[in-house]
Protein backbone atom coordinates (compact mmCIF):
# COMPACT_ATOMS: atom_id res chain seq x y z
CA MET A 1 0.17 0.13 0.40
CA ARG A 2 1.17 3.65 -0.81
CA ARG A 3 0.48 6.97 0.95
CA SER A 4 -0.76 9.78 -0.99
CA THR A 5 -0.01 13.39 0.24
CA ALA A 6 -1.97 15.10 -2.40
CA ALA A 7 -4.60 13.97 -4.85
CA SER A 8 -6.25 16.14 -8.24
CA ALA A 9 -7.56 15.24 -11.83
CA ASP A 10 -3.76 15.80 -12.92
CA TYR A 11 -2.54 13.26 -10.82
CA PRO A 12 -4.50 10.44 -9.80
CA ASN A 13 -3.99 8.46 -6.50
CA ASP A 14 -2.92 5.03 -8.02
CA ASP A 15 1.00 4.19 -9.41
CA SER A 16 2.15 1.88 -12.06
CA ASP A 17 2.02 -1.40 -9.82
CA GLY A 18 -1.91 -0.79 -9.95
CA GLU A 19 -2.29 -0.66 -6.15
CA GLU A 20 -4.23 2.17 -5.26
CA ALA A 21 -2.84 4.53 -3.05
CA LEU A 22 -4.13 5.29 0.67
CA PRO A 23 -5.09 9.07 1.56
CA ALA A 24 -2.89 10.58 3.72
CA PRO A 25 -3.90 10.85 7.56
CA LYS A 26 -6.10 13.07 9.27
CA THR A 27 -5.59 14.92 12.52
CA LYS A 28 -7.60 16.84 14.83
CA ILE A 29 -5.87 20.20 16.46
CA ARG A 30 -7.22 22.71 18.49
CA LEU A 31 -6.19 26.33 18.18
CA PHE A 32 -5.88 28.33 21.18
CA LEU A 33 -4.21 31.94 21.02
CA ARG A 34 -3.38 34.75 23.51
CA ALA A 35 -1.61 38.02 22.10
CA ASN A 36 1.12 39.56 24.75
CA ASN A 37 1.79 43.72 24.80
CA ILE A 38 -0.73 45.26 23.18
CA ARG A 39 0.13 48.64 22.66
CA SER A 40 -2.42 51.44 21.61
CA SER A 41 -2.18 53.06 18.58
CA ASN A 42 -4.26 55.90 19.91
CA ILE A 43 -2.91 59.25 20.91
CA THR A 44 -5.40 59.59 23.94
CA SER A 45 -5.71 56.19 25.12
CA SER A 46 -2.03 56.04 25.39
CA LEU A 47 -2.02 59.11 27.72
CA THR A 48 -4.85 58.14 29.30
CA GLY A 49 -3.30 54.10 30.25
CA GLN A 50 -6.54 52.97 28.66
CA GLN A 51 -6.24 49.28 27.87
CA PRO A 52 -7.67 47.98 24.79
CA HIS A 53 -10.85 45.67 24.61
CA THR A 54 -9.58 43.09 21.97
CA GLN A 55 -10.94 40.52 19.58
CA CYS A 56 -8.98 37.76 17.25
CA ARG A 57 -10.58 36.61 14.10
CA VAL A 58 -9.27 33.27 12.53
CA SER A 59 -9.62 32.48 9.07
CA LEU A 60 -8.45 29.41 6.48
CA ASP A 61 -8.65 32.14 3.88
CA PRO A 62 -6.87 35.95 4.14
CA ASP A 63 -9.52 37.01 1.59
CA SER A 64 -13.02 35.56 2.90
CA HIS A 65 -14.41 37.44 6.31
CA ALA A 66 -17.36 35.40 5.59
CA SER A 67 -15.71 31.78 6.63
CA SER A 68 -14.24 33.45 9.55
CA ASP A 69 -14.71 32.82 13.46
CA SER A 70 -13.87 35.35 16.01
CA THR A 71 -12.78 34.69 19.78
CA GLU A 72 -14.96 36.62 22.75
CA ILE A 73 -14.33 40.21 23.66
CA VAL A 74 -11.13 40.29 26.06
CA TYR A 75 -12.04 43.83 27.81
CA LYS A 76 -9.34 46.23 28.99
CA SER A 77 -5.88 44.07 28.93
CA SER A 78 -2.69 44.64 26.93
CA SER A 79 -1.80 40.48 27.00
CA PRO A 80 -5.53 38.63 26.43
CA ASN A 81 -5.77 35.41 26.94
CA TYR A 82 -8.85 34.03 25.15
CA THR A 83 -10.64 31.01 25.84
CA THR A 84 -12.24 30.39 22.92
CA SER A 85 -10.45 27.65 20.64
CA PHE A 86 -10.90 26.34 17.36
CA PRO A 87 -11.15 22.76 16.00
CA LEU A 88 -9.15 22.27 12.56
CA GLU A 89 -8.31 19.17 10.99
CA TYR A 90 -4.64 18.70 9.31
CA GLU A 91 -3.96 16.26 6.44
CA GLU A 92 -0.61 14.89 6.99
CA GLY A 93 2.12 16.11 4.72
CA SER A 94 0.14 19.29 3.54
CA GLN A 95 0.19 23.08 4.20
CA LEU A 96 -2.17 24.37 6.77
CA MET A 97 -2.07 28.57 6.87
CA ILE A 98 -3.74 29.99 9.48
CA TYR A 99 -4.55 33.99 9.44
CA VAL A 100 -5.14 35.10 12.54
CA ASP A 101 -5.75 39.11 13.03
CA VAL A 102 -6.12 40.76 16.78
CA TYR A 103 -7.38 43.92 16.71
CA ALA A 104 -9.15 46.41 19.59
CA CYS A 105 -13.10 46.78 19.49
CA LYS A 106 -14.40 49.83 19.20
CA GLY A 107 -15.90 51.34 22.14
CA SER A 108 -12.89 50.68 23.62
CA GLY A 109 -11.57 53.94 23.33
CA ILE A 110 -8.95 52.71 20.54
CA MET A 111 -9.28 52.09 17.24
CA SER A 112 -8.06 49.19 15.41
């Protein structure tokens, strides 16, 4: 038996001896997020020492916000630890790109 890490119409999952290839094993992983020392870019908030309200957006596609998930809002913390985690499926041997945006929420006195 042979293991294949990629399959497409151009490269069928078989080899020359007629033996069918096995799909690459998939593993479930869980993504946890935290941030450290988020600094305010807003001059007024920097002068008053106000901590930002922050949230993270996670996506597997950088151009699609429709397919993204978000964490909870962490209030007044420059080093938030988010409790929301994200289950992902990973295929062995493949590339997994995860896009994470950390931003200040409106209403925290800080604009992202």
